[in-house]
Amino acid sequence: MSTEERPETLADLIKRLKIEYDVKETQIAHRIGVSPATVNAWVNGKRGTGRGPNPDKLRRLAEEFPRFTEREIFAAAGRRAPGPLSPDAEERILGLFRSLTAEQQEMKEIEMRALAERNQSSPS
């Protein structure tokens, strides 16, 4: 399989990012709030003991390096990109959640956690 047919990995994306922004791994790490060893592990395709990069850190990559979209970064990390959530939408969702019983809140939390975990392991 040629490189064009293979989906871009997070390692590939970080290598492109380093070239496009003329930055080093340590600079990327500093800007997104992780250790240089973490970025180095991403570049070398090492996942460690976790499920891969933290979604908040992937979002920070998109914020700090806007030539790369959140969707593109999440896809390279093998994850589904989270949908947008405006402050108004967040407040409406929290209002609905607050109206649930404690048992219903617990059930919804379990459901949301399961969906989030699925998104961490299933691209697109």
PDB file of N, CA and C in Angstrom:
ATOM      1  N   MET A   1       0.844  -1.172   0.000  1.00  0.00           N
ATOM      2  CA  MET A   1       0.000   0.000   0.000  1.00  0.00           C
ATOM      3  C   MET A   1       0.890   1.236   0.000  1.00  0.00           C
ATOM      4  N   SER A   2       0.621   2.161  -0.881  1.00  0.00           N
ATOM      5  CA  SER A   2       1.443   3.366  -0.965  1.00  0.00           C
ATOM      6  C   SER A   2       1.041   4.353   0.121  1.00  0.00           C
ATOM      7  N   THR A   3       1.889   5.369   0.320  1.00  0.00           N
ATOM      8  CA  THR A   3       1.636   6.382   1.335  1.00  0.00           C
ATOM      9  C   THR A   3       0.331   7.122   1.055  1.00  0.00           C
ATOM     10  N   GLU A   4       0.010   7.373  -0.243  1.00  0.00           N
ATOM     11  CA  GLU A   4      -1.208   8.096  -0.596  1.00  0.00           C
ATOM     12  C   GLU A   4      -2.457   7.301  -0.201  1.00  0.00           C
ATOM     13  N   GLU A   5      -2.401   5.983  -0.212  1.00  0.00           N
ATOM     14  CA  GLU A   5      -3.547   5.150   0.113  1.00  0.00           C
ATOM     15  C   GLU A   5      -3.694   4.964   1.618  1.00  0.00           C
ATOM     16  N   ARG A   6      -2.625   5.091   2.349  1.00  0.00           N
ATOM     17  CA  ARG A   6      -2.633   4.891   3.790  1.00  0.00           C
ATOM     18  C   ARG A   6      -3.132   6.157   4.466  1.00  0.00           C
ATOM     19  N   PRO A   7      -4.072   6.040   5.408  1.00  0.00           N
ATOM     20  CA  PRO A   7      -4.518   7.242   6.125  1.00  0.00           C
ATOM     21  C   PRO A   7      -3.359   7.884   6.877  1.00  0.00           C
ATOM     22  N   GLU A   8      -3.407   9.186   6.983  1.00  0.00           N
ATOM     23  CA  GLU A   8      -2.374   9.902   7.712  1.00  0.00           C
ATOM     24  C   GLU A   8      -2.450   9.560   9.196  1.00  0.00           C
ATOM     25  N   THR A   9      -1.317   9.263   9.777  1.00  0.00           N
ATOM     26  CA  THR A   9      -1.239   8.982  11.207  1.00  0.00           C
ATOM     27  C   THR A   9      -0.924  10.273  11.952  1.00  0.00           C
ATOM     28  N   LEU A  10      -1.054  10.216  13.268  1.00  0.00           N
ATOM     29  CA  LEU A  10      -0.690  11.379  14.078  1.00  0.00           C
ATOM     30  C   LEU A  10       0.800  11.675  13.913  1.00  0.00           C
ATOM     31  N   ALA A  11       1.610  10.646  13.796  1.00  0.00           N
ATOM     32  CA  ALA A  11       3.045  10.852  13.574  1.00  0.00           C
ATOM     33  C   ALA A  11       3.279  11.626  12.280  1.00  0.00           C
ATOM     34  N   ASP A  12       2.572  11.235  11.206  1.00  0.00           N
ATOM     35  CA  ASP A  12       2.689  11.942   9.924  1.00  0.00           C
ATOM     36  C   ASP A  12       2.267  13.402  10.072  1.00  0.00           C
ATOM     37  N   LEU A  13       1.143  13.611  10.744  1.00  0.00           N
ATOM     38  CA  LEU A  13       0.620  14.962  10.903  1.00  0.00           C
ATOM     39  C   LEU A  13       1.583  15.836  11.691  1.00  0.00           C
ATOM     40  N   ILE A  14       2.141  15.306  12.772  1.00  0.00           N
ATOM     41  CA  ILE A  14       3.090  16.089  13.582  1.00  0.00           C
ATOM     42  C   ILE A  14       4.328  16.430  12.757  1.00  0.00           C
ATOM     43  N   LYS A  15       4.786  15.496  11.960  1.00  0.00           N
ATOM     44  CA  LYS A  15       5.952  15.779  11.105  1.00  0.00           C
ATOM     45  C   LYS A  15       5.634  16.907  10.132  1.00  0.00           C
ATOM     46  N   ARG A  16       4.428  16.881   9.530  1.00  0.00           N
ATOM     47  CA  ARG A  16       4.023  17.975   8.635  1.00  0.00           C
ATOM     48  C   ARG A  16       3.901  19.287   9.396  1.00  0.00           C
ATOM     49  N   LEU A  17       3.331  19.228  10.586  1.00  0.00           N
ATOM     50  CA  LEU A  17       3.154  20.417  11.415  1.00  0.00           C
ATOM     51  C   LEU A  17       4.511  21.052  11.722  1.00  0.00           C
ATOM     52  N   LYS A  18       5.479  20.223  12.084  1.00  0.00           N
ATOM     53  CA  LYS A  18       6.818  20.738  12.397  1.00  0.00           C
ATOM     54  C   LYS A  18       7.406  21.489  11.211  1.00  0.00           C
ATOM     55  N   ILE A  19       7.172  20.981  10.011  1.00  0.00           N
ATOM     56  CA  ILE A  19       7.701  21.634   8.810  1.00  0.00           C
ATOM     57  C   ILE A  19       6.928  22.923   8.518  1.00  0.00           C
ATOM     58  N   GLU A  20       5.590  22.830   8.517  1.00  0.00           N
ATOM     59  CA  GLU A  20       4.763  24.000   8.178  1.00  0.00           C
ATOM     60  C   GLU A  20       4.945  25.164   9.137  1.00  0.00           C
ATOM     61  N   TYR A  21       5.136  24.871  10.418  1.00  0.00           N
ATOM     62  CA  TYR A  21       5.270  25.922  11.423  1.00  0.00           C
ATOM     63  C   TYR A  21       6.715  26.159  11.846  1.00  0.00           C
ATOM     64  N   ASP A  22       7.625  25.370  11.294  1.00  0.00           N
ATOM     65  CA  ASP A  22       9.047  25.468  11.635  1.00  0.00           C
ATOM     66  C   ASP A  22       9.231  25.446  13.157  1.00  0.00           C
ATOM     67  N   VAL A  23       8.691  24.396  13.771  1.00  0.00           N
ATOM     68  CA  VAL A  23       8.792  24.226  15.213  1.00  0.00           C
ATOM     69  C   VAL A  23       9.397  22.870  15.538  1.00  0.00           C
ATOM     70  N   LYS A  24       9.900  22.772  16.736  1.00  0.00           N
ATOM     71  CA  LYS A  24      10.460  21.515  17.232  1.00  0.00           C
ATOM     72  C   LYS A  24       9.434  20.854  18.159  1.00  0.00           C
ATOM     73  N   GLU A  25       9.644  19.584  18.433  1.00  0.00           N
ATOM     74  CA  GLU A  25       8.728  18.844  19.305  1.00  0.00           C
ATOM     75  C   GLU A  25       8.586  19.511  20.667  1.00  0.00           C
ATOM     76  N   THR A  26       9.687  20.041  21.196  1.00  0.00           N
ATOM     77  CA  THR A  26       9.617  20.698  22.513  1.00  0.00           C
ATOM     78  C   THR A  26       8.716  21.927  22.467  1.00  0.00           C
ATOM     79  N   GLN A  27       8.742  22.660  21.356  1.00  0.00           N
ATOM     80  CA  GLN A  27       7.876  23.839  21.224  1.00  0.00           C
ATOM     81  C   GLN A  27       6.411  23.429  21.124  1.00  0.00           C
ATOM     82  N   ILE A  28       6.138  22.362  20.379  1.00  0.00           N
ATOM     83  CA  ILE A  28       4.771  21.853  20.281  1.00  0.00           C
ATOM     84  C   ILE A  28       4.290  21.458  21.676  1.00  0.00           C
ATOM     85  N   ALA A  29       5.121  20.702  22.388  1.00  0.00           N
ATOM     86  CA  ALA A  29       4.770  20.227  23.735  1.00  0.00           C
ATOM     87  C   ALA A  29       4.440  21.398  24.652  1.00  0.00           C
ATOM     88  N   HIS A  30       5.289  22.405  24.646  1.00  0.00           N
ATOM     89  CA  HIS A  30       5.078  23.571  25.506  1.00  0.00           C
ATOM     90  C   HIS A  30       3.755  24.263  25.181  1.00  0.00           C
ATOM     91  N   ARG A  31       3.463  24.414  23.888  1.00  0.00           N
ATOM     92  CA  ARG A  31       2.263  25.149  23.473  1.00  0.00           C
ATOM     93  C   ARG A  31       0.967  24.405  23.777  1.00  0.00           C
ATOM     94  N   ILE A  32       1.017  23.077  23.856  1.00  0.00           N
ATOM     95  CA  ILE A  32      -0.228  22.337  24.125  1.00  0.00           C
ATOM     96  C   ILE A  32      -0.287  21.762  25.537  1.00  0.00           C
ATOM     97  N   GLY A  33       0.769  21.971  26.324  1.00  0.00           N
ATOM     98  CA  GLY A  33       0.743  21.577  27.726  1.00  0.00           C
ATOM     99  C   GLY A  33       1.019  20.109  27.994  1.00  0.00           C
ATOM    100  N   VAL A  34       1.926  19.526  27.214  1.00  0.00           N
ATOM    101  CA  VAL A  34       2.351  18.144  27.487  1.00  0.00           C
ATOM    102  C   VAL A  34       3.874  18.123  27.560  1.00  0.00           C
ATOM    103  N   SER A  35       4.418  17.004  27.955  1.00  0.00           N
ATOM    104  CA  SER A  35       5.873  16.889  28.020  1.00  0.00           C
ATOM    105  C   SER A  35       6.434  16.648  26.620  1.00  0.00           C
ATOM    106  N   PRO A  36       7.683  17.041  26.390  1.00  0.00           N
ATOM    107  CA  PRO A  36       8.316  16.734  25.109  1.00  0.00           C
ATOM    108  C   PRO A  36       8.336  15.223  24.831  1.00  0.00           C
ATOM    109  N   ALA A  37       8.451  14.415  25.877  1.00  0.00           N
ATOM    110  CA  ALA A  37       8.443  12.952  25.694  1.00  0.00           C
ATOM    111  C   ALA A  37       7.102  12.480  25.130  1.00  0.00           C
ATOM    112  N   THR A  38       6.018  13.154  25.506  1.00  0.00           N
ATOM    113  CA  THR A  38       4.699  12.789  24.989  1.00  0.00           C
ATOM    114  C   THR A  38       4.628  13.039  23.495  1.00  0.00           C
ATOM    115  N   VAL A  39       5.051  14.216  23.060  1.00  0.00           N
ATOM    116  CA  VAL A  39       5.030  14.529  21.630  1.00  0.00           C
ATOM    117  C   VAL A  39       5.959  13.573  20.886  1.00  0.00           C
ATOM    118  N   ASN A  40       7.111  13.285  21.466  1.00  0.00           N
ATOM    119  CA  ASN A  40       8.036  12.345  20.846  1.00  0.00           C
ATOM    120  C   ASN A  40       7.404  10.962  20.696  1.00  0.00           C
ATOM    121  N   ALA A  41       6.648  10.541  21.690  1.00  0.00           N
ATOM    122  CA  ALA A  41       5.958   9.245  21.606  1.00  0.00           C
ATOM    123  C   ALA A  41       4.931   9.263  20.473  1.00  0.00           C
ATOM    124  N   TRP A  42       4.221  10.387  20.298  1.00  0.00           N
ATOM    125  CA  TRP A  42       3.262  10.493  19.198  1.00  0.00           C
ATOM    126  C   TRP A  42       3.981  10.399  17.860  1.00  0.00           C
ATOM    127  N   VAL A  43       5.119  11.079  17.747  1.00  0.00           N
ATOM    128  CA  VAL A  43       5.877  11.079  16.502  1.00  0.00           C
ATOM    129  C   VAL A  43       6.410   9.683  16.178  1.00  0.00           C
ATOM    130  N   ASN A  44       6.746   8.948  17.212  1.00  0.00           N
ATOM    131  CA  ASN A  44       7.284   7.601  17.009  1.00  0.00           C
ATOM    132  C   ASN A  44       6.207   6.525  17.057  1.00  0.00           C
ATOM    133  N   GLY A  45       4.944   6.946  17.084  1.00  0.00           N
ATOM    134  CA  GLY A  45       3.839   6.004  17.025  1.00  0.00           C
ATOM    135  C   GLY A  45       3.650   5.161  18.264  1.00  0.00           C
ATOM    136  N   LYS A  46       4.159   5.626  19.400  1.00  0.00           N
ATOM    137  CA  LYS A  46       4.001   4.877  20.652  1.00  0.00           C
ATOM    138  C   LYS A  46       2.776   5.396  21.375  1.00  0.00           C
ATOM    139  N   ARG A  47       1.915   4.493  21.810  1.00  0.00           N
ATOM    140  CA  ARG A  47       0.683   4.884  22.482  1.00  0.00           C
ATOM    141  C   ARG A  47       0.807   4.835  23.990  1.00  0.00           C
ATOM    142  N   GLY A  48       1.785   4.159  24.516  1.00  0.00           N
ATOM    143  CA  GLY A  48       1.921   4.049  25.961  1.00  0.00           C
ATOM    144  C   GLY A  48       0.851   3.149  26.530  1.00  0.00           C
ATOM    145  N   THR A  49       0.499   3.384  27.782  1.00  0.00           N
ATOM    146  CA  THR A  49      -0.479   2.528  28.447  1.00  0.00           C
ATOM    147  C   THR A  49      -1.906   3.018  28.262  1.00  0.00           C
ATOM    148  N   GLY A  50      -2.092   4.251  27.804  1.00  0.00           N
ATOM    149  CA  GLY A  50      -3.434   4.803  27.659  1.00  0.00           C
ATOM    150  C   GLY A  50      -4.056   4.456  26.319  1.00  0.00           C
ATOM    151  N   ARG A  51      -5.128   5.164  26.003  1.00  0.00           N
ATOM    152  CA  ARG A  51      -5.857   4.941  24.764  1.00  0.00           C
ATOM    153  C   ARG A  51      -5.412   5.921  23.679  1.00  0.00           C
ATOM    154  N   GLY A  52      -4.254   6.487  23.812  1.00  0.00           N
ATOM    155  CA  GLY A  52      -3.789   7.451  22.839  1.00  0.00           C
ATOM    156  C   GLY A  52      -3.894   8.857  23.397  1.00  0.00           C
ATOM    157  N   PRO A  53      -3.663   9.845  22.552  1.00  0.00           N
ATOM    158  CA  PRO A  53      -3.643  11.230  23.007  1.00  0.00           C
ATOM    159  C   PRO A  53      -4.967  11.675  23.627  1.00  0.00           C
ATOM    160  N   ASN A  54      -4.854  12.469  24.662  1.00  0.00           N
ATOM    161  CA  ASN A  54      -5.997  13.052  25.338  1.00  0.00           C
ATOM    162  C   ASN A  54      -6.734  13.970  24.354  1.00  0.00           C
ATOM    163  N   PRO A  55      -8.065  13.857  24.243  1.00  0.00           N
ATOM    164  CA  PRO A  55      -8.813  14.716  23.315  1.00  0.00           C
ATOM    165  C   PRO A  55      -8.584  16.210  23.552  1.00  0.00           C
ATOM    166  N   ASP A  56      -8.409  16.615  24.802  1.00  0.00           N
ATOM    167  CA  ASP A  56      -8.149  18.033  25.078  1.00  0.00           C
ATOM    168  C   ASP A  56      -6.828  18.485  24.463  1.00  0.00           C
ATOM    169  N   LYS A  57      -5.839  17.596  24.463  1.00  0.00           N
ATOM    170  CA  LYS A  57      -4.537  17.945  23.873  1.00  0.00           C
ATOM    171  C   LYS A  57      -4.641  17.991  22.348  1.00  0.00           C
ATOM    172  N   LEU A  58      -5.467  17.124  21.771  1.00  0.00           N
ATOM    173  CA  LEU A  58      -5.680  17.173  20.322  1.00  0.00           C
ATOM    174  C   LEU A  58      -6.378  18.482  19.941  1.00  0.00           C
ATOM    175  N   ARG A  59      -7.333  18.907  20.763  1.00  0.00           N
ATOM    176  CA  ARG A  59      -7.993  20.198  20.508  1.00  0.00           C
ATOM    177  C   ARG A  59      -6.994  21.348  20.609  1.00  0.00           C
ATOM    178  N   ARG A  60      -6.088  21.252  21.585  1.00  0.00           N
ATOM    179  CA  ARG A  60      -5.058  22.301  21.745  1.00  0.00           C
ATOM    180  C   ARG A  60      -4.158  22.380  20.513  1.00  0.00           C
ATOM    181  N   LEU A  61      -3.863  21.215  19.916  1.00  0.00           N
ATOM    182  CA  LEU A  61      -3.075  21.227  18.679  1.00  0.00           C
ATOM    183  C   LEU A  61      -3.785  22.067  17.621  1.00  0.00           C
ATOM    184  N   ALA A  62      -5.084  21.864  17.467  1.00  0.00           N
ATOM    185  CA  ALA A  62      -5.852  22.622  16.475  1.00  0.00           C
ATOM    186  C   ALA A  62      -5.886  24.109  16.812  1.00  0.00           C
ATOM    187  N   GLU A  63      -5.984  24.429  18.097  1.00  0.00           N
ATOM    188  CA  GLU A  63      -6.009  25.835  18.510  1.00  0.00           C
ATOM    189  C   GLU A  63      -4.659  26.510  18.273  1.00  0.00           C
ATOM    190  N   GLU A  64      -3.597  25.825  18.644  1.00  0.00           N
ATOM    191  CA  GLU A  64      -2.255  26.411  18.546  1.00  0.00           C
ATOM    192  C   GLU A  64      -1.700  26.402  17.121  1.00  0.00           C
ATOM    193  N   PHE A  65      -2.165  25.466  16.314  1.00  0.00           N
ATOM    194  CA  PHE A  65      -1.654  25.318  14.945  1.00  0.00           C
ATOM    195  C   PHE A  65      -2.846  25.243  13.991  1.00  0.00           C
ATOM    196  N   PRO A  66      -3.516  26.392  13.753  1.00  0.00           N
ATOM    197  CA  PRO A  66      -4.800  26.403  13.046  1.00  0.00           C
ATOM    198  C   PRO A  66      -4.763  25.998  11.570  1.00  0.00           C
ATOM    199  N   ARG A  67      -3.609  25.782  10.992  1.00  0.00           N
ATOM    200  CA  ARG A  67      -3.575  25.256   9.616  1.00  0.00           C
ATOM    201  C   ARG A  67      -4.021  23.798   9.589  1.00  0.00           C
ATOM    202  N   PHE A  68      -4.148  23.204  10.758  1.00  0.00           N
ATOM    203  CA  PHE A  68      -4.588  21.821  10.896  1.00  0.00           C
ATOM    204  C   PHE A  68      -5.929  21.832  11.629  1.00  0.00           C
ATOM    205  N   THR A  69      -6.946  21.273  11.005  1.00  0.00           N
ATOM    206  CA  THR A  69      -8.277  21.301  11.607  1.00  0.00           C
ATOM    207  C   THR A  69      -8.395  20.251  12.712  1.00  0.00           C
ATOM    208  N   GLU A  70      -9.340  20.489  13.590  1.00  0.00           N
ATOM    209  CA  GLU A  70      -9.612  19.534  14.663  1.00  0.00           C
ATOM    210  C   GLU A  70      -9.990  18.172  14.069  1.00  0.00           C
ATOM    211  N   ARG A  71     -10.826  18.206  13.031  1.00  0.00           N
ATOM    212  CA  ARG A  71     -11.250  16.957  12.375  1.00  0.00           C
ATOM    213  C   ARG A  71     -10.038  16.204  11.816  1.00  0.00           C
ATOM    214  N   GLU A  72      -9.133  16.930  11.173  1.00  0.00           N
ATOM    215  CA  GLU A  72      -7.925  16.335  10.591  1.00  0.00           C
ATOM    216  C   GLU A  72      -7.029  15.733  11.678  1.00  0.00           C
ATOM    217  N   ILE A  73      -6.874  16.440  12.783  1.00  0.00           N
ATOM    218  CA  ILE A  73      -6.018  15.979  13.878  1.00  0.00           C
ATOM    219  C   ILE A  73      -6.620  14.745  14.544  1.00  0.00           C
ATOM    220  N   PHE A  74      -7.916  14.793  14.821  1.00  0.00           N
ATOM    221  CA  PHE A  74      -8.563  13.637  15.448  1.00  0.00           C
ATOM    222  C   PHE A  74      -8.501  12.417  14.532  1.00  0.00           C
ATOM    223  N   ALA A  75      -8.732  12.609  13.234  1.00  0.00           N
ATOM    224  CA  ALA A  75      -8.669  11.481  12.288  1.00  0.00           C
ATOM    225  C   ALA A  75      -7.270  10.877  12.280  1.00  0.00           C
ATOM    226  N   ALA A  76      -6.246  11.715  12.293  1.00  0.00           N
ATOM    227  CA  ALA A  76      -4.869  11.213  12.305  1.00  0.00           C
ATOM    228  C   ALA A  76      -4.576  10.432  13.583  1.00  0.00           C
ATOM    229  N   ALA A  77      -5.238  10.812  14.674  1.00  0.00           N
ATOM    230  CA  ALA A  77      -5.058  10.113  15.950  1.00  0.00           C
ATOM    231  C   ALA A  77      -5.942   8.869  16.043  1.00  0.00           C
ATOM    232  N   GLY A  78      -6.713   8.602  14.975  1.00  0.00           N
ATOM    233  CA  GLY A  78      -7.585   7.437  14.974  1.00  0.00           C
ATOM    234  C   GLY A  78      -8.835   7.610  15.804  1.00  0.00           C
ATOM    235  N   ARG A  79      -9.284   8.856  15.905  1.00  0.00           N
ATOM    236  CA  ARG A  79     -10.452   9.175  16.737  1.00  0.00           C
ATOM    237  C   ARG A  79     -11.502   9.904  15.916  1.00  0.00           C
ATOM    238  N   ARG A  80     -12.726   9.859  16.394  1.00  0.00           N
ATOM    239  CA  ARG A  80     -13.784  10.678  15.819  1.00  0.00           C
ATOM    240  C   ARG A  80     -13.681  12.072  16.427  1.00  0.00           C
ATOM    241  N   ALA A  81     -13.831  13.083  15.601  1.00  0.00           N
ATOM    242  CA  ALA A  81     -13.780  14.462  16.107  1.00  0.00           C
ATOM    243  C   ALA A  81     -15.068  14.782  16.841  1.00  0.00           C
ATOM    244  N   PRO A  82     -14.970  15.349  18.040  1.00  0.00           N
ATOM    245  CA  PRO A  82     -16.178  15.739  18.761  1.00  0.00           C
ATOM    246  C   PRO A  82     -16.917  16.844  18.024  1.00  0.00           C
ATOM    247  N   GLY A  83     -18.221  16.862  18.180  1.00  0.00           N
ATOM    248  CA  GLY A  83     -19.018  17.921  17.582  1.00  0.00           C
ATOM    249  C   GLY A  83     -18.797  19.230  18.312  1.00  0.00           C
ATOM    250  N   PRO A  84     -19.144  20.326  17.685  1.00  0.00           N
ATOM    251  CA  PRO A  84     -18.987  21.624  18.336  1.00  0.00           C
ATOM    252  C   PRO A  84     -19.992  21.763  19.478  1.00  0.00           C
ATOM    253  N   LEU A  85     -19.630  22.509  20.484  1.00  0.00           N
ATOM    254  CA  LEU A  85     -20.525  22.753  21.619  1.00  0.00           C
ATOM    255  C   LEU A  85     -20.390  24.214  22.022  1.00  0.00           C
ATOM    256  N   SER A  86     -21.394  24.991  21.649  1.00  0.00           N
ATOM    257  CA  SER A  86     -21.380  26.410  22.003  1.00  0.00           C
ATOM    258  C   SER A  86     -21.710  26.564  23.480  1.00  0.00           C
ATOM    259  N   PRO A  87     -21.368  27.695  24.072  1.00  0.00           N
ATOM    260  CA  PRO A  87     -21.726  27.922  25.476  1.00  0.00           C
ATOM    261  C   PRO A  87     -23.235  27.818  25.711  1.00  0.00           C
ATOM    262  N   ASP A  88     -24.047  28.299  24.753  1.00  0.00           N
ATOM    263  CA  ASP A  88     -25.502  28.209  24.900  1.00  0.00           C
ATOM    264  C   ASP A  88     -25.964  26.755  24.903  1.00  0.00           C
ATOM    265  N   ALA A  89     -25.419  25.958  23.987  1.00  0.00           N
ATOM    266  CA  ALA A  89     -25.784  24.537  23.920  1.00  0.00           C
ATOM    267  C   ALA A  89     -25.348  23.822  25.195  1.00  0.00           C
ATOM    268  N   GLU A  90     -24.166  24.144  25.683  1.00  0.00           N
ATOM    269  CA  GLU A  90     -23.679  23.524  26.914  1.00  0.00           C
ATOM    270  C   GLU A  90     -24.609  23.850  28.077  1.00  0.00           C
ATOM    271  N   GLU A  91     -25.052  25.094  28.172  1.00  0.00           N
ATOM    272  CA  GLU A  91     -25.950  25.491  29.255  1.00  0.00           C
ATOM    273  C   GLU A  91     -27.299  24.778  29.139  1.00  0.00           C
ATOM    274  N   ARG A  92     -27.832  24.635  27.908  1.00  0.00           N
ATOM    275  CA  ARG A  92     -29.098  23.915  27.716  1.00  0.00           C
ATOM    276  C   ARG A  92     -28.964  22.449  28.131  1.00  0.00           C
ATOM    277  N   ILE A  93     -27.847  21.824  27.751  1.00  0.00           N
ATOM    278  CA  ILE A  93     -27.623  20.417  28.097  1.00  0.00           C
ATOM    279  C   ILE A  93     -27.504  20.260  29.611  1.00  0.00           C
ATOM    280  N   LEU A  94     -26.755  21.152  30.240  1.00  0.00           N
ATOM    281  CA  LEU A  94     -26.630  21.081  31.701  1.00  0.00           C
ATOM    282  C   LEU A  94     -27.978  21.294  32.380  1.00  0.00           C
ATOM    283  N   GLY A  95     -28.798  22.187  31.833  1.00  0.00           N
ATOM    284  CA  GLY A  95     -30.130  22.407  32.384  1.00  0.00           C
ATOM    285  C   GLY A  95     -30.976  21.146  32.301  1.00  0.00           C
ATOM    286  N   LEU A  96     -30.919  20.472  31.173  1.00  0.00           N
ATOM    287  CA  LEU A  96     -31.655  19.215  31.031  1.00  0.00           C
ATOM    288  C   LEU A  96     -31.125  18.168  32.007  1.00  0.00           C
ATOM    289  N   PHE A  97     -29.799  18.084  32.099  1.00  0.00           N
ATOM    290  CA  PHE A  97     -29.177  17.100  32.990  1.00  0.00           C
ATOM    291  C   PHE A  97     -29.588  17.346  34.440  1.00  0.00           C
ATOM    292  N   ARG A  98     -29.619  18.617  34.835  1.00  0.00           N
ATOM    293  CA  ARG A  98     -29.993  18.972  36.213  1.00  0.00           C
ATOM    294  C   ARG A  98     -31.436  18.594  36.526  1.00  0.00           C
ATOM    295  N   SER A  99     -32.279  18.504  35.507  1.00  0.00           N
ATOM    296  CA  SER A  99     -33.687  18.174  35.731  1.00  0.00           C
ATOM    297  C   SER A  99     -33.920  16.671  35.909  1.00  0.00           C
ATOM    298  N   LEU A 100     -32.888  15.869  35.705  1.00  0.00           N
ATOM    299  CA  LEU A 100     -33.005  14.419  35.858  1.00  0.00           C
ATOM    300  C   LEU A 100     -32.843  14.008  37.316  1.00  0.00           C
ATOM    301  N   THR A 101     -33.380  12.847  37.648  1.00  0.00           N
ATOM    302  CA  THR A 101     -33.162  12.301  38.988  1.00  0.00           C
ATOM    303  C   THR A 101     -31.707  11.854  39.111  1.00  0.00           C
ATOM    304  N   ALA A 102     -31.263  11.617  40.328  1.00  0.00           N
ATOM    305  CA  ALA A 102     -29.882  11.163  40.541  1.00  0.00           C
ATOM    306  C   ALA A 102     -29.616   9.868  39.772  1.00  0.00           C
ATOM    307  N   GLU A 103     -30.581   8.954  39.795  1.00  0.00           N
ATOM    308  CA  GLU A 103     -30.415   7.687  39.074  1.00  0.00           C
ATOM    309  C   GLU A 103     -30.331   7.912  37.566  1.00  0.00           C
ATOM    310  N   GLN A 104     -31.168   8.794  37.043  1.00  0.00           N
ATOM    311  CA  GLN A 104     -31.133   9.108  35.613  1.00  0.00           C
ATOM    312  C   GLN A 104     -29.816   9.780  35.228  1.00  0.00           C
ATOM    313  N   GLN A 105     -29.323  10.683  36.082  1.00  0.00           N
ATOM    314  CA  GLN A 105     -28.034  11.329  35.817  1.00  0.00           C
ATOM    315  C   GLN A 105     -26.923  10.299  35.747  1.00  0.00           C
ATOM    316  N   GLU A 106     -26.942   9.350  36.677  1.00  0.00           N
ATOM    317  CA  GLU A 106     -25.923   8.303  36.689  1.00  0.00           C
ATOM    318  C   GLU A 106     -25.994   7.475  35.408  1.00  0.00           C
ATOM    319  N   MET A 107     -27.215   7.128  34.977  1.00  0.00           N
ATOM    320  CA  MET A 107     -27.379   6.349  33.748  1.00  0.00           C
ATOM    321  C   MET A 107     -26.863   7.128  32.534  1.00  0.00           C
ATOM    322  N   LYS A 108     -27.176   8.410  32.460  1.00  0.00           N
ATOM    323  CA  LYS A 108     -26.720   9.239  31.331  1.00  0.00           C
ATOM    324  C   LYS A 108     -25.206   9.381  31.346  1.00  0.00           C
ATOM    325  N   GLU A 109     -24.628   9.504  32.518  1.00  0.00           N
ATOM    326  CA  GLU A 109     -23.168   9.605  32.607  1.00  0.00           C
ATOM    327  C   GLU A 109     -22.508   8.325  32.094  1.00  0.00           C
ATOM    328  N   ILE A 110     -23.051   7.180  32.470  1.00  0.00           N
ATOM    329  CA  ILE A 110     -22.515   5.895  31.990  1.00  0.00           C
ATOM    330  C   ILE A 110     -22.635   5.813  30.474  1.00  0.00           C
ATOM    331  N   GLU A 111     -23.781   6.214  29.952  1.00  0.00           N
ATOM    332  CA  GLU A 111     -24.004   6.192  28.506  1.00  0.00           C
ATOM    333  C   GLU A 111     -23.033   7.118  27.774  1.00  0.00           C
ATOM    334  N   MET A 112     -22.879   8.335  28.291  1.00  0.00           N
ATOM    335  CA  MET A 112     -21.974   9.290  27.645  1.00  0.00           C
ATOM    336  C   MET A 112     -20.529   8.811  27.703  1.00  0.00           C
ATOM    337  N   ARG A 113     -20.128   8.217  28.834  1.00  0.00           N
ATOM    338  CA  ARG A 113     -18.773   7.695  28.959  1.00  0.00           C
ATOM    339  C   ARG A 113     -18.531   6.581  27.934  1.00  0.00           C
ATOM    340  N   ALA A 114     -19.517   5.706  27.750  1.00  0.00           N
ATOM    341  CA  ALA A 114     -19.392   4.617  26.781  1.00  0.00           C
ATOM    342  C   ALA A 114     -19.265   5.172  25.361  1.00  0.00           C
ATOM    343  N   LEU A 115     -20.052   6.178  25.028  1.00  0.00           N
ATOM    344  CA  LEU A 115     -19.955   6.794  23.702  1.00  0.00           C
ATOM    345  C   LEU A 115     -18.594   7.456  23.504  1.00  0.00           C
ATOM    346  N   ALA A 116     -18.125   8.167  24.520  1.00  0.00           N
ATOM    347  CA  ALA A 116     -16.819   8.834  24.417  1.00  0.00           C
ATOM    348  C   ALA A 116     -15.702   7.818  24.243  1.00  0.00           C
ATOM    349  N   GLU A 117     -15.770   6.702  24.978  1.00  0.00           N
ATOM    350  CA  GLU A 117     -14.746   5.659  24.841  1.00  0.00           C
ATOM    351  C   GLU A 117     -14.785   5.041  23.454  1.00  0.00           C
ATOM    352  N   ARG A 118     -15.980   4.853  22.916  1.00  0.00           N
ATOM    353  CA  ARG A 118     -16.096   4.317  21.549  1.00  0.00           C
ATOM    354  C   ARG A 118     -15.458   5.267  20.546  1.00  0.00           C
ATOM    355  N   ASN A 119     -15.686   6.562  20.727  1.00  0.00           N
ATOM    356  CA  ASN A 119     -15.107   7.557  19.818  1.00  0.00           C
ATOM    357  C   ASN A 119     -13.586   7.579  19.894  1.00  0.00           C
ATOM    358  N   GLN A 120     -13.020   7.213  21.038  1.00  0.00           N
ATOM    359  CA  GLN A 120     -11.570   7.197  21.182  1.00  0.00           C
ATOM    360  C   GLN A 120     -10.943   6.043  20.430  1.00  0.00           C
ATOM    361  N   SER A 121     -11.730   5.025  20.122  1.00  0.00           N
ATOM    362  CA  SER A 121     -11.149   3.856  19.461  1.00  0.00           C
ATOM    363  C   SER A 121     -11.684   3.624  18.069  1.00  0.00           C
ATOM    364  N   SER A 122     -12.594   4.462  17.574  1.00  0.00           N
ATOM    365  CA  SER A 122     -13.214   4.253  16.266  1.00  0.00           C
ATOM    366  C   SER A 122     -13.101   5.502  15.407  1.00  0.00           C
ATOM    367  N   PRO A 123     -12.218   5.490  14.398  1.00  0.00           N
ATOM    368  CA  PRO A 123     -12.128   6.654  13.514  1.00  0.00           C
ATOM    369  C   PRO A 123     -13.392   6.831  12.675  1.00  0.00           C
ATOM    370  N   SER A 124     -13.658   8.082  12.323  1.00  0.00           N
ATOM    371  CA  SER A 124     -14.795   8.537  11.510  1.00  0.00           C
ATOM    372  C   SER A 124     -16.044   7.785  11.846  1.00  0.00           C
TER     373      SER A 124
END
